[in-house]
Amino acid sequence: MKKRFWAPLALATIGTASAAYAADLANLHGQSCGDMAGTWHFVNNQVPAGSGTGTLTATFSGGSCTVDSTKVLTSVQHFFCSAPGTLLSASTNLGGRLVLSDFSCEVKKCDPKTQKCD
């Protein structure tokens, strides 16, 4: 009788462990471009096999960005967003480990004919 009780419980636990969950940003540390626009490169590693193309949603102090992956490999997907401000959060609809790979901020240009340049 105990074997019948434990077998379904073990199968339910195994089935639950393999379910895919959304990945939240693992390395959020107040990255910012200030009031300038930035290009943000996110990588979702350890994506479960057969997940398909993912979608990233990122929130910044100056707006938000929702994009599909630009590069899909077996277990890695890449995402690029353009947005101003401080990165507040990011997540995908896939399992795995989402990280901010890198970002670059727009360089403000100064026109010496119309502005005082430092």
Protein backbone atom coordinates (compact mmCIF):
# COMPACT_ATOMS: atom_id res chain seq x y z
CA MET A 1 0.00 0.00 0.00
CA LYS A 2 2.82 2.42 0.75
CA LYS A 3 4.35 1.77 -2.69
CA ARG A 4 1.16 2.96 -4.38
CA PHE A 5 1.08 6.09 -2.24
CA TRP A 6 4.72 7.11 -2.90
CA ALA A 7 4.90 6.28 -6.62
CA PRO A 8 2.29 8.87 -7.73
CA LEU A 9 3.85 11.45 -5.40
CA ALA A 10 7.31 10.84 -6.89
CA LEU A 11 5.96 11.14 -10.44
CA ALA A 12 4.17 14.39 -9.57
CA THR A 13 7.38 15.81 -8.09
CA ILE A 14 9.44 14.85 -11.15
CA GLY A 15 6.84 16.39 -13.48
CA THR A 16 6.82 19.63 -11.51
CA ALA A 17 10.60 19.95 -11.49
CA SER A 18 10.80 19.92 -15.30
CA ALA A 19 8.26 22.71 -15.87
CA ALA A 20 9.70 25.84 -17.54
CA TYR A 21 9.51 29.09 -15.63
CA ALA A 22 10.22 32.64 -16.74
CA ALA A 23 13.78 33.90 -16.22
CA ASP A 24 14.30 37.12 -14.25
CA LEU A 25 17.46 39.21 -14.60
CA ALA A 26 20.21 37.69 -12.43
CA ASN A 27 22.71 40.59 -12.41
CA LEU A 28 20.67 43.75 -11.83
CA HIS A 29 22.95 46.29 -10.11
CA GLY A 30 21.62 49.76 -10.99
CA GLN A 31 23.12 49.91 -14.50
CA SER A 32 22.28 53.28 -16.04
CA CYS A 33 22.75 55.56 -19.01
CA GLY A 34 21.36 58.53 -17.10
CA ASP A 35 19.09 60.56 -19.36
CA MET A 36 20.86 59.29 -22.49
CA ALA A 37 19.62 56.45 -24.66
CA GLY A 38 21.37 53.12 -24.31
CA THR A 39 21.66 49.88 -26.23
CA TRP A 40 21.24 46.94 -23.87
CA HIS A 41 22.33 43.37 -24.70
CA PHE A 42 20.68 40.59 -22.68
CA VAL A 43 21.54 36.88 -22.88
CA ASN A 44 19.31 34.08 -21.63
CA ASN A 45 21.53 31.03 -20.91
CA GLN A 46 20.41 27.52 -20.05
CA VAL A 47 17.16 27.81 -22.02
CA PRO A 48 15.26 24.51 -21.87
CA ALA A 49 15.38 22.49 -25.12
CA GLY A 50 12.48 23.08 -27.49
CA SER A 51 11.49 26.42 -25.93
CA GLY A 52 11.19 28.28 -29.24
CA THR A 53 11.86 31.99 -29.71
CA GLY A 54 11.56 33.98 -26.49
CA THR A 55 10.34 37.45 -25.64
CA LEU A 56 12.16 39.85 -23.30
CA THR A 57 10.45 42.61 -21.34
CA ALA A 58 12.73 45.20 -19.75
CA THR A 59 11.74 48.21 -17.66
CA PHE A 60 13.85 51.35 -17.41
CA SER A 61 13.38 54.61 -15.52
CA GLY A 62 12.84 56.26 -18.94
CA GLY A 63 10.54 53.68 -20.55
CA SER A 64 10.21 50.02 -21.37
CA CYS A 65 11.15 47.57 -24.10
CA THR A 66 9.55 44.33 -25.31
CA VAL A 67 11.44 42.42 -28.02
CA ASP A 68 11.77 38.94 -29.47
CA SER A 69 15.18 37.27 -29.41
CA THR A 70 17.53 38.29 -32.22
CA LYS A 71 19.65 35.14 -32.09
CA VAL A 72 18.43 31.67 -31.06
CA LEU A 73 20.92 28.90 -30.33
CA THR A 74 20.27 25.51 -28.76
CA SER A 75 20.26 26.76 -25.17
CA VAL A 76 21.07 30.48 -25.49
CA GLN A 77 19.03 33.43 -26.75
CA HIS A 78 20.16 37.05 -27.31
CA PHE A 79 18.02 40.18 -26.97
CA PHE A 80 18.76 43.86 -27.73
CA CYS A 81 16.81 46.86 -26.39
CA SER A 82 17.23 50.58 -26.88
CA ALA A 83 16.01 52.70 -23.99
CA PRO A 84 17.08 55.63 -21.79
CA GLY A 85 17.60 55.65 -18.06
CA THR A 86 18.35 53.14 -15.33
CA LEU A 87 17.57 49.46 -15.81
CA LEU A 88 14.92 48.51 -13.24
CA SER A 89 14.00 44.94 -14.26
CA ALA A 90 14.05 42.44 -17.09
CA SER A 91 12.56 39.00 -17.68
CA THR A 92 11.83 36.53 -20.45
CA ASN A 93 8.98 34.12 -21.00
CA LEU A 94 11.54 31.28 -21.07
CA GLY A 95 13.28 29.32 -18.37
CA GLY A 96 17.02 29.62 -17.97
CA ARG A 97 19.33 32.29 -16.55
CA LEU A 98 18.90 35.83 -17.88
CA VAL A 99 21.87 38.21 -17.60
CA LEU A 100 22.76 41.66 -18.89
CA SER A 101 25.73 40.92 -21.13
CA ASP A 102 26.69 44.54 -21.86
CA PHE A 103 25.32 47.96 -22.64
CA SER A 104 26.52 51.17 -24.25
CA CYS A 105 25.24 54.69 -23.77
CA GLU A 106 24.74 57.28 -26.49
CA VAL A 107 27.49 59.86 -26.59
CA LYS A 108 26.18 63.40 -26.29
CA LYS A 109 27.60 65.54 -29.05
CA CYS A 110 28.40 69.17 -28.58
CA ASP A 111 28.22 71.74 -31.35
CA PRO A 112 30.81 74.42 -30.48
CA LYS A 113 29.02 76.91 -32.76
CA THR A 114 25.84 76.81 -30.67
CA GLN A 115 26.95 75.39 -27.28
CA LYS A 116 29.70 75.71 -24.73
CA CYS A 117 31.57 72.39 -24.86
CA ASP A 118 33.54 70.97 -21.93
